Structure formats: structure tokens, C-alpha cells
Amino acid sequence: MEDTVIIYYSLDGNTDHVARCIAEKTGAKLVRLETKRAYPRKGFKKFFIGGRDALFGARPELKASFPDLAPFGNIVIGTPVWASRPSPAINTFLRRAKLDGKRIALFACSGGGQAKTCLDKMEALLTGNEILCRASFVNPAFKRGKTIDDAIDEIISALSD
């Protein structure tokens, strides 16, 4: 799937894990977004600062620009769930990327659910595109198994149709 790119943000490694599994099975190009100002990785500040920024739709500066998306017909977008919303880095991407007429698969990773609201918010910013599928994962880097593998295969199948 040379016309597929996976754009994602990961803080704890769960979203990175899923993105890499999809890329491994499809040969898709991987683009990991990173913010110029790193988010805290543990403790109270991790949840307070990250949750606040997600809740208020912050769009932080990214370390690097993302690639020209024109050559890609399929785009997979992955995010951790922060305060039932997409991560701020994904907010930045969704607001700045020129996405129109693309085939898009969305996935969200969380520690305990609430991905529906996050995926709804992402989809609302993607009008003019075809949403192929939406998938959610709970702690995928630590809980390998049939459910996670099935959801990854569902994304891959949607991209192939």
C-alpha cells in the first residue's frame, strides 16, 4: 500500500505500537508527530497539562512539518485519548493538513475507553473525506491478543477495499 501514510502521535507507546503494526502489515509510510514542547510523561502534570490542552483544543507547534499528503490516497490517523479528545498534536495536524477527498481510517488508544467522543471529534474535522473505519484500542502495547489483532486487521481491510 504505497499510497498509504500513517500519521500519529504517541506519548506512552500505545499509539506507536498500533501504528507500527499497521505499517508492518501494509508497508505504509509512518509519520510520528512530535510537539516542540514535550508533554510530561508521568505524574500529576502529565494528566493536568495534557488533559487541559486536549480539553481546550490546543494546537501546539510541531517539531517538524508533516509530508505533502497529495500522493497519498489513504491516510491512517492515530491518537491517544486525552480527556475524551484527540491529543493536541493531532489537533494541530487536523487543522493544518490539506485533507480533502482522502480515504481515512481513524484509531484511538486509551487506558480505559472513552474513545468514541475522541473519534467523533476527529471525524467532525474531516468533512470532505471518506471515513473508512474507526477503531479503538485499550492499552494495546501491553495487551496483545485477538481483539487487538482483529481491530488492526479491520483497518487494513478497510484500506484494501
Protein backbone atom coordinates (compact mmCIF):
# COMPACT_ATOMS: atom_id res chain seq x y z
CA MET A 1 0.00 0.00 0.00
CA GLU A 2 2.42 2.61 -1.25
CA ASP A 3 -0.34 5.22 -1.38
CA THR A 4 -0.94 4.92 2.39
CA VAL A 5 0.55 7.05 5.15
CA ILE A 6 0.06 6.66 8.89
CA ILE A 7 0.13 9.96 10.79
CA TYR A 8 0.13 9.58 14.57
CA TYR A 9 1.13 10.97 17.94
CA SER A 10 2.16 8.77 20.85
CA LEU A 11 3.25 9.65 24.37
CA ASP A 12 3.27 6.30 26.20
CA GLY A 13 3.89 3.99 23.25
CA ASN A 14 0.41 2.54 22.71
CA THR A 15 -0.41 4.55 19.60
CA ASP A 16 3.12 3.96 18.29
CA HIS A 17 2.61 0.22 18.77
CA VAL A 18 -0.61 0.14 16.73
CA ALA A 19 0.81 2.41 14.01
CA ARG A 20 3.86 0.17 13.64
CA CYS A 21 1.71 -2.98 13.49
CA ILE A 22 -0.35 -1.47 10.66
CA ALA A 23 2.77 -0.28 8.81
CA GLU A 24 4.42 -3.68 9.21
CA LYS A 25 1.45 -5.41 7.59
CA THR A 26 0.88 -2.84 4.82
CA GLY A 27 4.21 -1.21 4.01
CA ALA A 28 2.64 2.19 4.69
CA LYS A 29 4.84 5.20 5.40
CA LEU A 30 5.00 6.13 9.11
CA VAL A 31 4.97 9.76 10.27
CA ARG A 32 5.19 10.29 14.02
CA LEU A 33 4.22 13.79 15.11
CA GLU A 34 6.17 15.39 17.95
CA THR A 35 5.48 18.68 19.67
CA LYS A 36 8.22 21.28 20.12
CA ARG A 37 7.38 21.45 23.82
CA ALA A 38 7.31 17.91 25.14
CA TYR A 39 4.41 16.85 27.33
CA PRO A 40 5.16 15.45 30.80
CA ARG A 41 5.37 11.67 30.70
CA LYS A 42 4.27 10.88 34.26
CA GLY A 43 2.69 12.18 37.42
CA PHE A 44 0.02 14.79 38.00
CA LYS A 45 1.41 17.17 35.37
CA LYS A 46 1.00 14.54 32.65
CA PHE A 47 -2.75 14.37 33.19
CA PHE A 48 -3.31 18.01 34.11
CA ILE A 49 -1.36 19.66 31.29
CA GLY A 50 -2.23 17.09 28.62
CA GLY A 51 -5.88 16.93 29.65
CA ARG A 52 -6.21 20.71 29.80
CA ASP A 53 -4.65 21.17 26.38
CA ALA A 54 -6.84 18.46 24.84
CA LEU A 55 -9.99 19.76 26.53
CA PHE A 56 -9.44 23.27 25.19
CA GLY A 57 -8.35 22.15 21.71
CA ALA A 58 -4.76 23.38 21.97
CA ARG A 59 -2.73 23.21 18.76
CA PRO A 60 0.94 23.19 19.76
CA GLU A 61 3.79 23.74 17.33
CA LEU A 62 5.21 20.55 15.89
CA LYS A 63 8.95 19.76 15.75
CA ALA A 64 8.81 19.06 12.03
CA SER A 65 6.37 19.67 9.23
CA PHE A 66 4.39 16.71 8.00
CA PRO A 67 4.87 15.48 4.42
CA ASP A 68 2.91 16.62 1.40
CA LEU A 69 -0.18 14.43 1.52
CA ALA A 70 -1.12 14.81 -2.17
CA PRO A 71 0.49 11.49 -3.24
CA PHE A 72 -1.39 9.53 -0.59
CA GLY A 73 -4.91 8.28 -1.27
CA ASN A 74 -5.21 6.54 2.09
CA ILE A 75 -4.41 8.20 5.39
CA VAL A 76 -4.49 6.48 8.76
CA ILE A 77 -4.62 8.88 11.71
CA GLY A 78 -3.90 7.64 15.24
CA THR A 79 -4.01 9.36 18.60
CA PRO A 80 -4.07 8.63 22.29
CA VAL A 81 -7.30 9.66 24.02
CA TRP A 82 -6.76 12.64 26.32
CA ALA A 83 -9.79 13.88 28.29
CA SER A 84 -12.01 12.02 25.78
CA ARG A 85 -10.44 14.04 22.96
CA PRO A 86 -7.63 13.75 20.41
CA SER A 87 -4.14 14.70 21.55
CA PRO A 88 -3.12 18.32 20.91
CA ALA A 89 -0.56 17.23 18.28
CA ILE A 90 -3.34 15.58 16.28
CA ASN A 91 -5.45 18.75 16.69
CA THR A 92 -2.59 20.67 15.06
CA PHE A 93 -2.36 18.17 12.22
CA LEU A 94 -6.12 18.03 11.57
CA ARG A 95 -6.40 21.83 11.45
CA ARG A 96 -3.33 22.43 9.26
CA ALA A 97 -3.23 19.49 6.87
CA LYS A 98 -4.81 19.88 3.49
CA LEU A 99 -7.15 16.92 3.59
CA ASP A 100 -9.91 16.70 1.04
CA GLY A 101 -11.15 13.73 -0.91
CA LYS A 102 -8.97 11.29 1.01
CA ARG A 103 -9.83 7.82 2.28
CA ILE A 104 -9.21 7.96 6.02
CA ALA A 105 -9.05 5.37 8.79
CA LEU A 106 -9.02 6.60 12.38
CA PHE A 107 -7.81 4.91 15.53
CA ALA A 108 -7.54 5.94 19.15
CA CYS A 109 -5.73 4.32 22.07
CA SER A 110 -6.71 4.71 25.70
CA GLY A 111 -6.14 3.30 29.12
CA GLY A 112 -9.78 2.55 29.69
CA GLY A 113 -12.14 3.58 26.94
CA GLN A 114 -13.94 6.81 26.05
CA ALA A 115 -12.59 6.66 22.52
CA LYS A 116 -15.97 7.30 20.87
CA THR A 117 -16.02 11.01 21.74
CA CYS A 118 -12.40 11.34 20.60
CA LEU A 119 -13.12 9.65 17.26
CA ASP A 120 -16.30 11.73 16.80
CA LYS A 121 -14.28 14.94 17.26
CA MET A 122 -11.66 13.79 14.76
CA GLU A 123 -14.28 12.81 12.21
CA ALA A 124 -16.03 16.18 12.56
CA LEU A 125 -12.82 17.88 11.37
CA LEU A 126 -12.56 15.63 8.33
CA THR A 127 -15.59 16.62 6.27
CA GLY A 128 -14.97 16.18 2.55
CA ASN A 129 -13.18 12.88 3.14
CA GLU A 130 -14.35 9.27 3.20
CA ILE A 131 -14.02 7.76 6.68
CA LEU A 132 -13.29 4.09 6.02
CA CYS A 133 -13.32 2.89 9.61
CA ARG A 134 -12.81 3.86 13.22
CA ALA A 135 -11.09 1.63 15.74
CA SER A 136 -10.27 1.94 19.42
CA PHE A 137 -7.68 0.10 21.46
CA VAL A 138 -7.25 -0.23 25.23
CA ASN A 139 -3.58 -0.50 26.27
CA PRO A 140 -2.58 -2.27 23.02
CA ALA A 141 1.16 -2.26 23.73
CA PHE A 142 0.55 -4.32 26.85
CA LYS A 143 -2.46 -6.46 25.91
CA ARG A 144 -1.74 -8.32 22.70
CA GLY A 145 -4.49 -10.64 21.62
CA LYS A 146 -7.28 -11.48 19.25
CA THR A 147 -9.35 -8.35 19.90
CA ILE A 148 -6.45 -6.01 19.14
CA ASP A 149 -5.28 -8.03 16.14
CA ASP A 150 -8.85 -8.13 14.78
CA ALA A 151 -9.17 -4.33 15.04
CA ILE A 152 -5.82 -3.86 13.25
CA ASP A 153 -6.96 -6.27 10.54
CA GLU A 154 -10.24 -4.32 10.22
CA ILE A 155 -8.27 -1.14 9.49
CA ILE A 156 -6.11 -2.94 6.93
CA SER A 157 -9.17 -4.49 5.27
CA ALA A 158 -10.87 -1.08 5.01
CA LEU A 159 -7.78 0.36 3.33
CA SER A 160 -7.74 -2.51 0.81
CA ASP A 161 -11.36 -2.13 -0.32
